[in-house]
Amino acid sequence: PPKPTCSLTRMFNDVDYWQKKSHSNSSYKTNLNETEIAFDAADIIRMGKDIFYKKSATANNQGLSWLRRTFPHLRFHMMHFPTSLDCHLDTSLVPLRPPTSGSPGIVLINQNRPPLVNEIKLFTDNDWRPVWGPLPATDSLPPLAMCSSNINLNLLSLNDHCVIIEECEVPLYRLLHDELGFDVITCPFRVLNEFGGSIHC
């Protein structure tokens, strides 16, 4: 397996990037360069034989190329989110339930970080129903939080019908439970956002 050095000066073009970066970049440039293979598990979502990959501050093209070589039996799809180059895919695209013979699958999409229209079409063409996730219940985060308020969609699916979400996310609860019919378990987790993640992490 790849063993990147994780050296700031070797793998990143500008060590002060996080203080200067813009959240909108239509050229999909990130501070992470292509010197070494790099990706994080949270930059990847598997749906059957299809793997969705987001280039980000923790995943580069080298990482995707290595995965394609290593797992040739799987289909890899690069996802593009023009409004965000933040880390990780699991707060932008969340598969909840696969398609069955009687109903379409459900995939939750972050309305603050939508993928390209033709990439949403990939789901609708294959019997998945895209559902726009609600806005965060609050933009307020712990003082040292290493994440954005978009962490609200960072949930954990236990099975096709049951999910765990952060207890403050009432709009998300209403969508999942009241509108989509999921069993929803709420968990007090917001204080842990300062460590850079939430329930799915």
N, C-alpha and C. Protein backbone atom coordinates (compact mmCIF):
# COMPACT_ATOMS: atom_id res chain seq x y z
N PRO A 1 0.83 -1.21 0.00
CA PRO A 1 0.00 0.00 0.00
C PRO A 1 0.86 1.25 0.00
N PRO A 2 0.31 2.37 -0.46
CA PRO A 2 1.08 3.61 -0.47
C PRO A 2 1.41 4.06 0.94
N LYS A 3 2.58 4.66 1.10
CA LYS A 3 3.00 5.15 2.41
C LYS A 3 3.52 6.57 2.26
N PRO A 4 2.61 7.54 2.10
CA PRO A 4 3.05 8.93 1.95
C PRO A 4 3.75 9.42 3.21
N THR A 5 4.65 10.35 3.01
CA THR A 5 5.41 10.88 4.14
C THR A 5 4.56 11.79 5.03
N CYS A 6 3.49 12.35 4.45
CA CYS A 6 2.65 13.33 5.16
C CYS A 6 3.45 14.56 5.57
N SER A 7 4.50 14.84 4.83
CA SER A 7 5.32 16.01 5.11
C SER A 7 4.64 17.26 4.56
N LEU A 8 4.46 18.26 5.40
CA LEU A 8 3.81 19.50 4.96
C LEU A 8 4.59 20.15 3.83
N THR A 9 5.90 20.15 3.92
CA THR A 9 6.71 20.85 2.91
C THR A 9 6.84 20.05 1.63
N ARG A 10 6.64 18.73 1.67
CA ARG A 10 6.75 17.90 0.47
C ARG A 10 5.41 17.75 -0.25
N MET A 11 4.35 17.52 0.49
CA MET A 11 3.06 17.18 -0.12
C MET A 11 2.18 18.39 -0.40
N PHE A 12 2.46 19.52 0.25
CA PHE A 12 1.61 20.69 0.11
C PHE A 12 2.38 21.85 -0.49
N ASN A 13 1.71 22.58 -1.38
CA ASN A 13 2.36 23.67 -2.10
C ASN A 13 2.60 24.89 -1.23
N ASP A 14 1.75 25.10 -0.24
CA ASP A 14 1.82 26.32 0.56
C ASP A 14 1.37 25.98 1.97
N VAL A 15 2.28 26.00 2.92
CA VAL A 15 1.93 25.60 4.29
C VAL A 15 0.99 26.60 4.96
N ASP A 16 0.85 27.80 4.40
CA ASP A 16 -0.09 28.79 4.94
C ASP A 16 -1.42 28.80 4.19
N TYR A 17 -1.66 27.76 3.40
CA TYR A 17 -2.84 27.69 2.54
C TYR A 17 -4.14 27.89 3.30
N TRP A 18 -4.29 27.26 4.46
CA TRP A 18 -5.56 27.29 5.18
C TRP A 18 -5.89 28.69 5.68
N GLN A 19 -4.88 29.53 5.85
CA GLN A 19 -5.16 30.90 6.26
C GLN A 19 -5.57 31.78 5.08
N LYS A 20 -5.30 31.33 3.85
CA LYS A 20 -5.52 32.18 2.68
C LYS A 20 -6.55 31.63 1.70
N LYS A 21 -7.02 30.40 1.89
CA LYS A 21 -7.80 29.74 0.86
C LYS A 21 -9.17 30.37 0.67
N SER A 22 -9.69 30.22 -0.54
CA SER A 22 -11.05 30.63 -0.87
C SER A 22 -11.91 29.39 -0.92
N HIS A 23 -13.18 29.52 -0.56
CA HIS A 23 -14.08 28.37 -0.57
C HIS A 23 -14.72 28.16 -1.94
N SER A 24 -14.41 28.98 -2.91
CA SER A 24 -14.96 28.80 -4.25
C SER A 24 -13.82 28.79 -5.25
N ASN A 25 -13.72 27.70 -6.01
CA ASN A 25 -12.60 27.55 -6.92
C ASN A 25 -13.03 26.64 -8.06
N SER A 26 -13.46 27.22 -9.15
CA SER A 26 -14.01 26.44 -10.25
C SER A 26 -12.96 25.62 -10.99
N SER A 27 -11.67 25.87 -10.72
CA SER A 27 -10.63 25.09 -11.39
C SER A 27 -10.26 23.83 -10.59
N TYR A 28 -10.89 23.64 -9.43
CA TYR A 28 -10.68 22.45 -8.59
C TYR A 28 -9.23 22.29 -8.15
N LYS A 29 -8.55 23.40 -7.94
CA LYS A 29 -7.17 23.32 -7.46
C LYS A 29 -7.19 23.21 -5.93
N THR A 30 -6.32 22.38 -5.41
CA THR A 30 -6.16 22.28 -3.97
C THR A 30 -4.69 22.48 -3.63
N ASN A 31 -4.44 22.64 -2.36
CA ASN A 31 -3.07 22.83 -1.91
C ASN A 31 -2.27 21.53 -1.95
N LEU A 32 -2.96 20.40 -1.92
CA LEU A 32 -2.29 19.10 -1.97
C LEU A 32 -1.75 18.86 -3.37
N ASN A 33 -0.47 18.59 -3.49
CA ASN A 33 0.11 18.38 -4.82
C ASN A 33 0.09 16.89 -5.19
N GLU A 34 0.72 16.55 -6.30
CA GLU A 34 0.70 15.17 -6.81
C GLU A 34 2.03 14.45 -6.57
N THR A 35 2.83 14.94 -5.62
CA THR A 35 4.13 14.33 -5.35
C THR A 35 4.00 12.89 -4.86
N GLU A 36 3.00 12.65 -4.02
CA GLU A 36 2.81 11.32 -3.45
C GLU A 36 1.34 10.91 -3.56
N ILE A 37 1.09 9.61 -3.45
CA ILE A 37 -0.28 9.10 -3.42
C ILE A 37 -0.92 9.54 -2.11
N ALA A 38 -2.10 10.15 -2.20
CA ALA A 38 -2.78 10.59 -0.98
C ALA A 38 -4.29 10.53 -1.15
N PHE A 39 -4.95 9.95 -0.18
CA PHE A 39 -6.41 10.01 -0.08
C PHE A 39 -6.81 9.63 1.34
N ASP A 40 -7.98 10.04 1.72
CA ASP A 40 -8.54 9.73 3.03
C ASP A 40 -9.80 8.91 2.79
N ALA A 41 -10.08 7.96 3.66
CA ALA A 41 -11.28 7.12 3.48
C ALA A 41 -12.54 7.97 3.35
N ALA A 42 -12.59 9.10 4.03
CA ALA A 42 -13.79 9.94 3.99
C ALA A 42 -13.92 10.73 2.69
N ASP A 43 -12.91 10.63 1.80
CA ASP A 43 -13.01 11.22 0.46
C ASP A 43 -13.68 10.26 -0.52
N ILE A 44 -14.07 9.09 -0.03
CA ILE A 44 -14.55 8.01 -0.89
C ILE A 44 -15.87 7.47 -0.36
N ILE A 45 -16.80 7.20 -1.27
CA ILE A 45 -18.05 6.54 -0.90
C ILE A 45 -18.27 5.37 -1.85
N ARG A 46 -18.54 4.21 -1.28
CA ARG A 46 -18.81 3.03 -2.11
C ARG A 46 -20.30 2.75 -2.15
N MET A 47 -20.80 2.53 -3.36
CA MET A 47 -22.19 2.15 -3.57
C MET A 47 -22.17 0.95 -4.51
N GLY A 48 -22.13 -0.26 -3.94
CA GLY A 48 -22.01 -1.45 -4.77
C GLY A 48 -20.64 -1.50 -5.44
N LYS A 49 -20.64 -1.61 -6.77
CA LYS A 49 -19.38 -1.65 -7.51
C LYS A 49 -18.94 -0.26 -7.96
N ASP A 50 -19.68 0.76 -7.56
CA ASP A 50 -19.34 2.13 -7.93
C ASP A 50 -18.71 2.85 -6.75
N ILE A 51 -17.56 3.47 -7.02
CA ILE A 51 -16.83 4.22 -6.00
C ILE A 51 -16.81 5.69 -6.41
N PHE A 52 -17.27 6.55 -5.52
CA PHE A 52 -17.28 7.99 -5.78
C PHE A 52 -16.14 8.63 -4.99
N TYR A 53 -15.38 9.50 -5.67
CA TYR A 53 -14.13 10.02 -5.14
C TYR A 53 -14.13 11.54 -5.28
N LYS A 54 -13.72 12.21 -4.23
CA LYS A 54 -13.65 13.67 -4.26
C LYS A 54 -12.20 14.13 -4.09
N LYS A 55 -11.69 14.82 -5.09
CA LYS A 55 -10.38 15.45 -4.95
C LYS A 55 -10.52 16.60 -3.96
N SER A 56 -9.61 16.67 -3.00
CA SER A 56 -9.76 17.66 -1.94
C SER A 56 -8.41 17.97 -1.34
N ALA A 57 -8.44 18.62 -0.20
CA ALA A 57 -7.20 18.93 0.51
C ALA A 57 -6.56 17.69 1.11
N THR A 58 -7.25 16.54 1.03
CA THR A 58 -6.69 15.30 1.55
C THR A 58 -6.69 14.17 0.52
N ALA A 59 -7.06 14.45 -0.72
CA ALA A 59 -7.10 13.41 -1.76
C ALA A 59 -6.68 14.01 -3.10
N ASN A 60 -5.74 13.35 -3.77
CA ASN A 60 -5.26 13.88 -5.05
C ASN A 60 -5.52 12.90 -6.20
N ASN A 61 -5.13 13.29 -7.41
CA ASN A 61 -5.32 12.43 -8.59
C ASN A 61 -4.49 11.15 -8.49
N GLN A 62 -3.32 11.25 -7.87
CA GLN A 62 -2.49 10.07 -7.67
C GLN A 62 -3.22 9.01 -6.85
N GLY A 63 -3.97 9.47 -5.86
CA GLY A 63 -4.72 8.54 -5.03
C GLY A 63 -5.77 7.80 -5.83
N LEU A 64 -6.50 8.53 -6.69
CA LEU A 64 -7.52 7.90 -7.52
C LEU A 64 -6.89 6.92 -8.50
N SER A 65 -5.77 7.28 -9.10
CA SER A 65 -5.09 6.39 -10.04
C SER A 65 -4.65 5.10 -9.36
N TRP A 66 -4.12 5.21 -8.14
CA TRP A 66 -3.69 4.02 -7.41
C TRP A 66 -4.88 3.11 -7.12
N LEU A 67 -6.00 3.70 -6.70
CA LEU A 67 -7.20 2.90 -6.41
C LEU A 67 -7.70 2.18 -7.65
N ARG A 68 -7.69 2.87 -8.78
CA ARG A 68 -8.14 2.24 -10.03
C ARG A 68 -7.24 1.06 -10.42
N ARG A 69 -5.94 1.21 -10.24
CA ARG A 69 -5.02 0.11 -10.55
C ARG A 69 -5.19 -1.06 -9.59
N THR A 70 -5.45 -0.75 -8.35
CA THR A 70 -5.51 -1.78 -7.32
C THR A 70 -6.83 -2.53 -7.32
N PHE A 71 -7.90 -1.84 -7.71
CA PHE A 71 -9.24 -2.46 -7.70
C PHE A 71 -9.87 -2.34 -9.09
N PRO A 72 -9.34 -3.05 -10.08
CA PRO A 72 -9.83 -2.90 -11.46
C PRO A 72 -11.26 -3.39 -11.66
N HIS A 73 -11.77 -4.18 -10.73
CA HIS A 73 -13.14 -4.69 -10.86
C HIS A 73 -14.19 -3.68 -10.41
N LEU A 74 -13.76 -2.55 -9.86
CA LEU A 74 -14.69 -1.52 -9.41
C LEU A 74 -14.70 -0.35 -10.39
N ARG A 75 -15.82 0.39 -10.40
CA ARG A 75 -15.95 1.57 -11.26
C ARG A 75 -15.75 2.82 -10.40
N PHE A 76 -14.81 3.66 -10.82
CA PHE A 76 -14.51 4.87 -10.05
C PHE A 76 -15.03 6.11 -10.77
N HIS A 77 -15.61 7.01 -9.99
CA HIS A 77 -16.18 8.24 -10.54
C HIS A 77 -15.62 9.43 -9.76
N MET A 78 -14.95 10.34 -10.44
CA MET A 78 -14.49 11.57 -9.80
C MET A 78 -15.67 12.53 -9.68
N MET A 79 -15.95 13.01 -8.48
CA MET A 79 -17.02 13.97 -8.25
C MET A 79 -16.43 15.38 -8.16
N HIS A 80 -17.21 16.35 -8.62
CA HIS A 80 -16.76 17.74 -8.63
C HIS A 80 -17.78 18.62 -7.91
N PHE A 81 -17.29 19.39 -6.96
CA PHE A 81 -18.13 20.28 -6.17
C PHE A 81 -17.59 21.69 -6.31
N PRO A 82 -18.10 22.47 -7.27
CA PRO A 82 -17.51 23.78 -7.58
C PRO A 82 -17.45 24.75 -6.42
N THR A 83 -18.37 24.62 -5.45
CA THR A 83 -18.42 25.60 -4.37
C THR A 83 -17.59 25.21 -3.17
N SER A 84 -16.94 24.06 -3.22
CA SER A 84 -16.21 23.63 -2.03
C SER A 84 -15.01 22.77 -2.37
N LEU A 85 -13.88 23.09 -1.76
CA LEU A 85 -12.70 22.23 -1.84
C LEU A 85 -12.31 21.76 -0.44
N ASP A 86 -13.25 21.85 0.49
CA ASP A 86 -12.97 21.37 1.83
C ASP A 86 -12.76 19.86 1.82
N CYS A 87 -12.23 19.36 2.89
CA CYS A 87 -11.97 17.92 2.99
C CYS A 87 -13.27 17.13 2.98
N HIS A 88 -13.18 15.95 2.40
CA HIS A 88 -14.12 14.86 2.62
C HIS A 88 -15.44 14.96 1.84
N LEU A 89 -15.86 13.77 1.44
CA LEU A 89 -17.07 13.61 0.65
C LEU A 89 -18.28 13.29 1.51
N ASP A 90 -18.05 12.80 2.73
CA ASP A 90 -19.16 12.26 3.51
C ASP A 90 -20.06 13.31 4.15
N THR A 91 -19.83 14.58 3.87
CA THR A 91 -20.80 15.61 4.25
C THR A 91 -21.41 16.27 3.01
N SER A 92 -21.05 15.78 1.85
CA SER A 92 -21.56 16.33 0.59
C SER A 92 -22.50 15.37 -0.12
N LEU A 93 -22.23 14.07 0.01
CA LEU A 93 -22.97 13.04 -0.70
C LEU A 93 -23.16 11.86 0.25
N VAL A 94 -24.41 11.56 0.61
CA VAL A 94 -24.67 10.54 1.63
C VAL A 94 -25.70 9.53 1.12
N PRO A 95 -25.28 8.35 0.67
CA PRO A 95 -26.26 7.33 0.26
C PRO A 95 -26.98 6.79 1.49
N LEU A 96 -28.31 6.74 1.41
CA LEU A 96 -29.10 6.31 2.56
C LEU A 96 -29.75 4.95 2.37
N ARG A 97 -30.22 4.70 1.14
CA ARG A 97 -30.95 3.46 0.89
C ARG A 97 -30.80 3.09 -0.58
N PRO A 98 -30.41 1.85 -0.90
CA PRO A 98 -30.23 1.47 -2.31
C PRO A 98 -31.57 1.26 -3.01
N PRO A 99 -31.58 1.33 -4.33
CA PRO A 99 -32.82 1.06 -5.07
C PRO A 99 -33.27 -0.38 -4.87
N THR A 100 -34.57 -0.59 -4.90
CA THR A 100 -35.15 -1.93 -4.89
C THR A 100 -36.09 -2.03 -6.08
N SER A 101 -36.66 -3.20 -6.28
CA SER A 101 -37.57 -3.37 -7.41
C SER A 101 -38.81 -2.51 -7.29
N GLY A 102 -39.13 -2.09 -6.06
CA GLY A 102 -40.35 -1.30 -5.87
C GLY A 102 -40.15 0.17 -5.64
N SER A 103 -38.91 0.60 -5.38
CA SER A 103 -38.70 2.02 -5.08
C SER A 103 -37.28 2.44 -5.40
N PRO A 104 -37.09 3.74 -5.69
CA PRO A 104 -35.74 4.23 -5.99
C PRO A 104 -34.89 4.29 -4.73
N GLY A 105 -33.58 4.32 -4.93
CA GLY A 105 -32.68 4.56 -3.81
C GLY A 105 -32.74 6.02 -3.39
N ILE A 106 -32.20 6.31 -2.23
CA ILE A 106 -32.19 7.68 -1.72
C ILE A 106 -30.75 8.10 -1.44
N VAL A 107 -30.35 9.22 -2.02
CA VAL A 107 -29.02 9.78 -1.75
C VAL A 107 -29.20 11.22 -1.31
N LEU A 108 -28.62 11.55 -0.17
CA LEU A 108 -28.70 12.89 0.41
C LEU A 108 -27.59 13.75 -0.16
N ILE A 109 -27.94 14.95 -0.63
CA ILE A 109 -26.96 15.86 -1.23
C ILE A 109 -26.95 17.17 -0.46
N ASN A 110 -25.78 17.65 -0.13
CA ASN A 110 -25.63 18.90 0.61
C ASN A 110 -25.95 20.08 -0.31
N GLN A 111 -26.98 20.84 0.04
CA GLN A 111 -27.37 21.96 -0.82
C GLN A 111 -26.34 23.08 -0.83
N ASN A 112 -25.47 23.12 0.17
CA ASN A 112 -24.37 24.09 0.17
C ASN A 112 -23.20 23.66 -0.69
N ARG A 113 -23.17 22.37 -1.06
CA ARG A 113 -22.05 21.82 -1.82
C ARG A 113 -22.55 20.90 -2.93
N PRO A 114 -23.37 21.39 -3.83
CA PRO A 114 -23.91 20.49 -4.86
C PRO A 114 -22.85 20.07 -5.87
N PRO A 115 -22.91 18.81 -6.33
CA PRO A 115 -22.01 18.39 -7.41
C PRO A 115 -22.50 18.95 -8.73
N LEU A 116 -21.75 18.71 -9.79
CA LEU A 116 -22.17 19.15 -11.12
C LEU A 116 -23.48 18.47 -11.51
N VAL A 117 -24.27 19.16 -12.33
CA VAL A 117 -25.58 18.65 -12.73
C VAL A 117 -25.47 17.29 -13.41
N ASN A 118 -24.48 17.12 -14.29
CA ASN A 118 -24.34 15.84 -14.99
C ASN A 118 -23.95 14.71 -14.05
N GLU A 119 -23.36 15.05 -12.90
CA GLU A 119 -23.02 14.02 -11.93
C GLU A 119 -24.24 13.63 -11.09
N ILE A 120 -25.14 14.56 -10.85
CA ILE A 120 -26.42 14.21 -10.22
C ILE A 120 -27.21 13.30 -11.16
N LYS A 121 -27.11 13.56 -12.46
CA LYS A 121 -27.83 12.76 -13.46
C LYS A 121 -27.38 11.30 -13.42
N LEU A 122 -26.13 11.06 -13.06
CA LEU A 122 -25.64 9.69 -12.94
C LEU A 122 -26.48 8.91 -11.94
N PHE A 123 -26.93 9.57 -10.90
CA PHE A 123 -27.77 8.91 -9.90
C PHE A 123 -29.20 8.73 -10.41
N THR A 124 -29.77 9.79 -10.95
CA THR A 124 -31.16 9.69 -11.41
C THR A 124 -31.30 8.69 -12.55
N ASP A 125 -30.28 8.57 -13.39
CA ASP A 125 -30.32 7.60 -14.49
C ASP A 125 -30.23 6.16 -14.00
N ASN A 126 -29.81 5.98 -12.76
CA ASN A 126 -29.64 4.63 -12.21
C ASN A 126 -30.57 4.38 -11.02
N ASP A 127 -31.73 5.04 -11.06
CA ASP A 127 -32.82 4.78 -10.11
C ASP A 127 -32.50 5.21 -8.68
N TRP A 128 -31.72 6.30 -8.56
CA TRP A 128 -31.51 6.92 -7.26
C TRP A 128 -32.25 8.25 -7.22
N ARG A 129 -32.88 8.53 -6.10
CA ARG A 129 -33.59 9.80 -5.91
C ARG A 129 -32.71 10.75 -5.09
N PRO A 130 -32.22 11.83 -5.70
CA PRO A 130 -31.46 12.81 -4.92
C PRO A 130 -32.39 13.62 -4.02
N VAL A 131 -32.00 13.77 -2.78
CA VAL A 131 -32.76 14.57 -1.81
C VAL A 131 -31.82 15.63 -1.25
N TRP A 132 -32.26 16.89 -1.31
CA TRP A 132 -31.42 17.97 -0.79
C TRP A 132 -31.46 17.94 0.73
N GLY A 133 -30.28 17.87 1.34
CA GLY A 133 -30.20 17.90 2.79
C GLY A 133 -30.54 19.29 3.32
N PRO A 134 -31.10 19.38 4.53
CA PRO A 134 -31.43 20.68 5.10
C PRO A 134 -30.18 21.45 5.50
N LEU A 135 -30.35 22.74 5.66
CA LEU A 135 -29.25 23.57 6.18
C LEU A 135 -28.96 23.18 7.62
N PRO A 136 -27.76 23.46 8.11
CA PRO A 136 -27.44 23.14 9.51
C PRO A 136 -28.40 23.84 10.47
N ALA A 137 -28.65 23.21 11.60
CA ALA A 137 -29.52 23.82 12.61
C ALA A 137 -28.90 25.11 13.14
N THR A 138 -27.59 25.17 13.14
CA THR A 138 -26.88 26.37 13.60
C THR A 138 -25.54 26.46 12.90
N ASP A 139 -25.07 27.68 12.74
CA ASP A 139 -23.72 27.90 12.21
C ASP A 139 -22.70 27.99 13.34
N SER A 140 -23.20 27.91 14.56
CA SER A 140 -22.32 28.03 15.72
C SER A 140 -21.61 26.71 15.99
N LEU A 141 -20.31 26.78 16.14
CA LEU A 141 -19.49 25.60 16.43
C LEU A 141 -18.62 25.87 17.65
N PRO A 142 -18.12 24.82 18.30
CA PRO A 142 -17.18 25.05 19.41
C PRO A 142 -16.01 25.91 18.95
N PRO A 143 -15.42 26.70 19.85
CA PRO A 143 -14.36 27.65 19.47
C PRO A 143 -13.21 27.04 18.70
N LEU A 144 -12.84 25.80 18.98
CA LEU A 144 -11.68 25.19 18.34
C LEU A 144 -12.07 24.17 17.28
N ALA A 145 -13.32 24.21 16.83
CA ALA A 145 -13.80 23.19 15.88
C ALA A 145 -12.99 23.19 14.59
N MET A 146 -12.55 22.00 14.18
CA MET A 146 -11.78 21.85 12.94
C MET A 146 -12.69 21.37 11.82
N CYS A 147 -13.89 21.91 11.74
CA CYS A 147 -14.83 21.52 10.70
C CYS A 147 -15.78 22.69 10.46
N SER A 148 -16.61 22.58 9.43
CA SER A 148 -17.58 23.63 9.13
C SER A 148 -18.95 23.20 9.62
N SER A 149 -19.91 24.10 9.54
CA SER A 149 -21.27 23.76 9.97
C SER A 149 -21.90 22.71 9.07
N ASN A 150 -21.31 22.46 7.89
CA ASN A 150 -21.83 21.42 7.00
C ASN A 150 -21.65 20.02 7.58
N ILE A 151 -21.03 19.93 8.74
CA ILE A 151 -20.88 18.65 9.42
C ILE A 151 -22.25 18.09 9.81
N ASN A 152 -23.32 18.88 9.66
CA ASN A 152 -24.66 18.42 10.04
C ASN A 152 -25.09 17.17 9.29
N LEU A 153 -24.58 16.96 8.07
CA LEU A 153 -24.97 15.78 7.30
C LEU A 153 -24.05 14.59 7.54
N ASN A 154 -23.12 14.72 8.45
CA ASN A 154 -22.20 13.63 8.78
C ASN A 154 -22.93 12.67 9.72
N LEU A 155 -23.66 11.75 9.12
CA LEU A 155 -24.49 10.81 9.89
C LEU A 155 -24.00 9.39 9.67
N LEU A 156 -24.49 8.48 10.47
CA LEU A 156 -24.10 7.07 10.37
C LEU A 156 -25.31 6.21 10.06
N SER A 157 -25.27 5.52 8.93
CA SER A 157 -26.35 4.59 8.56
C SER A 157 -26.07 3.23 9.19
N LEU A 158 -27.00 2.74 9.98
CA LEU A 158 -26.87 1.41 10.56
C LEU A 158 -27.38 0.35 9.60
N ASN A 159 -28.41 0.70 8.84
CA ASN A 159 -28.94 -0.18 7.80
C ASN A 159 -29.79 0.68 6.87
N ASP A 160 -30.58 0.05 6.01
CA ASP A 160 -31.35 0.80 5.01
C ASP A 160 -32.47 1.63 5.62
N HIS A 161 -32.76 1.42 6.90
CA HIS A 161 -33.91 2.07 7.51
C HIS A 161 -33.59 2.83 8.79
N CYS A 162 -32.35 2.77 9.26
CA CYS A 162 -32.02 3.39 10.55
C CYS A 162 -30.71 4.17 10.47
N VAL A 163 -30.73 5.40 10.97
CA VAL A 163 -29.54 6.25 10.96
C VAL A 163 -29.34 6.90 12.32
N ILE A 164 -28.10 7.30 12.59
CA ILE A 164 -27.78 8.07 13.79
C ILE A 164 -27.36 9.46 13.37
N ILE A 165 -27.95 10.49 13.99
CA ILE A 165 -27.60 11.87 13.68
C ILE A 165 -27.31 12.63 14.97
N GLU A 166 -26.70 13.80 14.85
CA GLU A 166 -26.44 14.66 16.00
C GLU A 166 -27.77 15.21 16.51
N GLU A 167 -27.95 15.22 17.82
CA GLU A 167 -29.26 15.52 18.40
C GLU A 167 -29.76 16.94 18.14
N CYS A 168 -28.86 17.88 17.88
CA CYS A 168 -29.29 19.26 17.63
C CYS A 168 -29.86 19.46 16.23
N GLU A 169 -29.63 18.50 15.33
CA GLU A 169 -30.02 18.69 13.93
C GLU A 169 -31.49 18.34 13.71
N VAL A 170 -32.36 19.18 14.25
CA VAL A 170 -33.81 18.96 14.16
C VAL A 170 -34.30 18.99 12.71
N PRO A 171 -33.85 19.93 11.86
CA PRO A 171 -34.31 19.90 10.46
C PRO A 171 -33.95 18.59 9.75
N LEU A 172 -32.77 18.04 10.05
CA LEU A 172 -32.37 16.77 9.45
C LEU A 172 -33.24 15.64 9.99
N TYR A 173 -33.56 15.69 11.27
CA TYR A 173 -34.45 14.68 11.86
C TYR A 173 -35.80 14.69 11.17
N ARG A 174 -36.35 15.87 10.97
CA ARG A 174 -37.67 15.97 10.33
C ARG A 174 -37.66 15.42 8.92
N LEU A 175 -36.59 15.71 8.18
CA LEU A 175 -36.48 15.18 6.82
C LEU A 175 -36.41 13.66 6.83
N LEU A 176 -35.49 13.13 7.63
CA LEU A 176 -35.26 11.69 7.61
C LEU A 176 -36.42 10.90 8.21
N HIS A 177 -36.93 11.35 9.33
CA HIS A 177 -37.98 10.61 10.03
C HIS A 177 -39.37 10.91 9.49
N ASP A 178 -39.72 12.20 9.44
CA ASP A 178 -41.09 12.57 9.09
C ASP A 178 -41.37 12.43 7.60
N GLU A 179 -40.39 12.80 6.76
CA GLU A 179 -40.64 12.79 5.31
C GLU A 179 -40.19 11.50 4.63
N LEU A 180 -39.07 10.94 5.06
CA LEU A 180 -38.51 9.78 4.37
C LEU A 180 -38.74 8.46 5.09
N GLY A 181 -39.25 8.52 6.32
CA GLY A 181 -39.64 7.30 7.03
C GLY A 181 -38.52 6.50 7.66
N PHE A 182 -37.38 7.13 7.92
CA PHE A 182 -36.28 6.42 8.58
C PHE A 182 -36.49 6.38 10.09
N ASP A 183 -35.99 5.33 10.71
CA ASP A 183 -35.83 5.33 12.16
C ASP A 183 -34.58 6.15 12.45
N VAL A 184 -34.72 7.15 13.31
CA VAL A 184 -33.61 8.07 13.56
C VAL A 184 -33.23 8.04 15.03
N ILE A 185 -31.98 7.73 15.30
CA ILE A 185 -31.44 7.77 16.66
C ILE A 185 -30.63 9.06 16.79
N THR A 186 -30.93 9.85 17.81
CA THR A 186 -30.19 11.09 18.02
C THR A 186 -29.13 10.88 19.10
N CYS A 187 -28.02 11.58 18.93
CA CYS A 187 -26.87 11.40 19.83
C CYS A 187 -26.21 12.75 20.09
N PRO A 188 -25.95 13.10 21.36
CA PRO A 188 -25.25 14.36 21.65
C PRO A 188 -23.78 14.25 21.24
N PHE A 189 -23.41 14.98 20.20
CA PHE A 189 -22.07 14.80 19.63
C PHE A 189 -21.41 16.12 19.28
N ARG A 190 -22.14 17.22 19.39
CA ARG A 190 -21.62 18.49 18.86
C ARG A 190 -20.33 18.92 19.53
N VAL A 191 -20.18 18.64 20.81
CA VAL A 191 -18.98 19.08 21.51
C VAL A 191 -17.72 18.44 20.92
N LEU A 192 -17.87 17.30 20.24
CA LEU A 192 -16.72 16.63 19.65
C LEU A 192 -16.32 17.20 18.29
N ASN A 193 -17.10 18.16 17.77
CA ASN A 193 -16.74 18.78 16.50
C ASN A 193 -15.37 19.44 16.55
N GLU A 194 -14.95 19.86 17.73
CA GLU A 194 -13.66 20.54 17.82
C GLU A 194 -12.49 19.60 17.52
N PHE A 195 -12.76 18.30 17.47
CA PHE A 195 -11.71 17.35 17.10
C PHE A 195 -11.72 17.06 15.61
N GLY A 196 -12.59 17.75 14.87
CA GLY A 196 -12.54 17.68 13.41
C GLY A 196 -13.46 16.67 12.78
N GLY A 197 -14.53 16.28 13.44
CA GLY A 197 -15.42 15.31 12.83
C GLY A 197 -16.73 15.16 13.58
N SER A 198 -17.52 14.20 13.12
CA SER A 198 -18.79 13.92 13.79
C SER A 198 -19.06 12.42 13.72
N ILE A 199 -20.32 12.02 13.71
CA ILE A 199 -20.69 10.63 13.94
C ILE A 199 -20.15 9.67 12.89
N HIS A 200 -20.18 10.04 11.63
CA HIS A 200 -19.68 9.14 10.59
C HIS A 200 -18.17 8.98 10.67
N CYS A 201 -17.48 10.03 11.10
CA CYS A 201 -16.01 9.96 11.23
C CYS A 201 -15.61 8.92 12.26
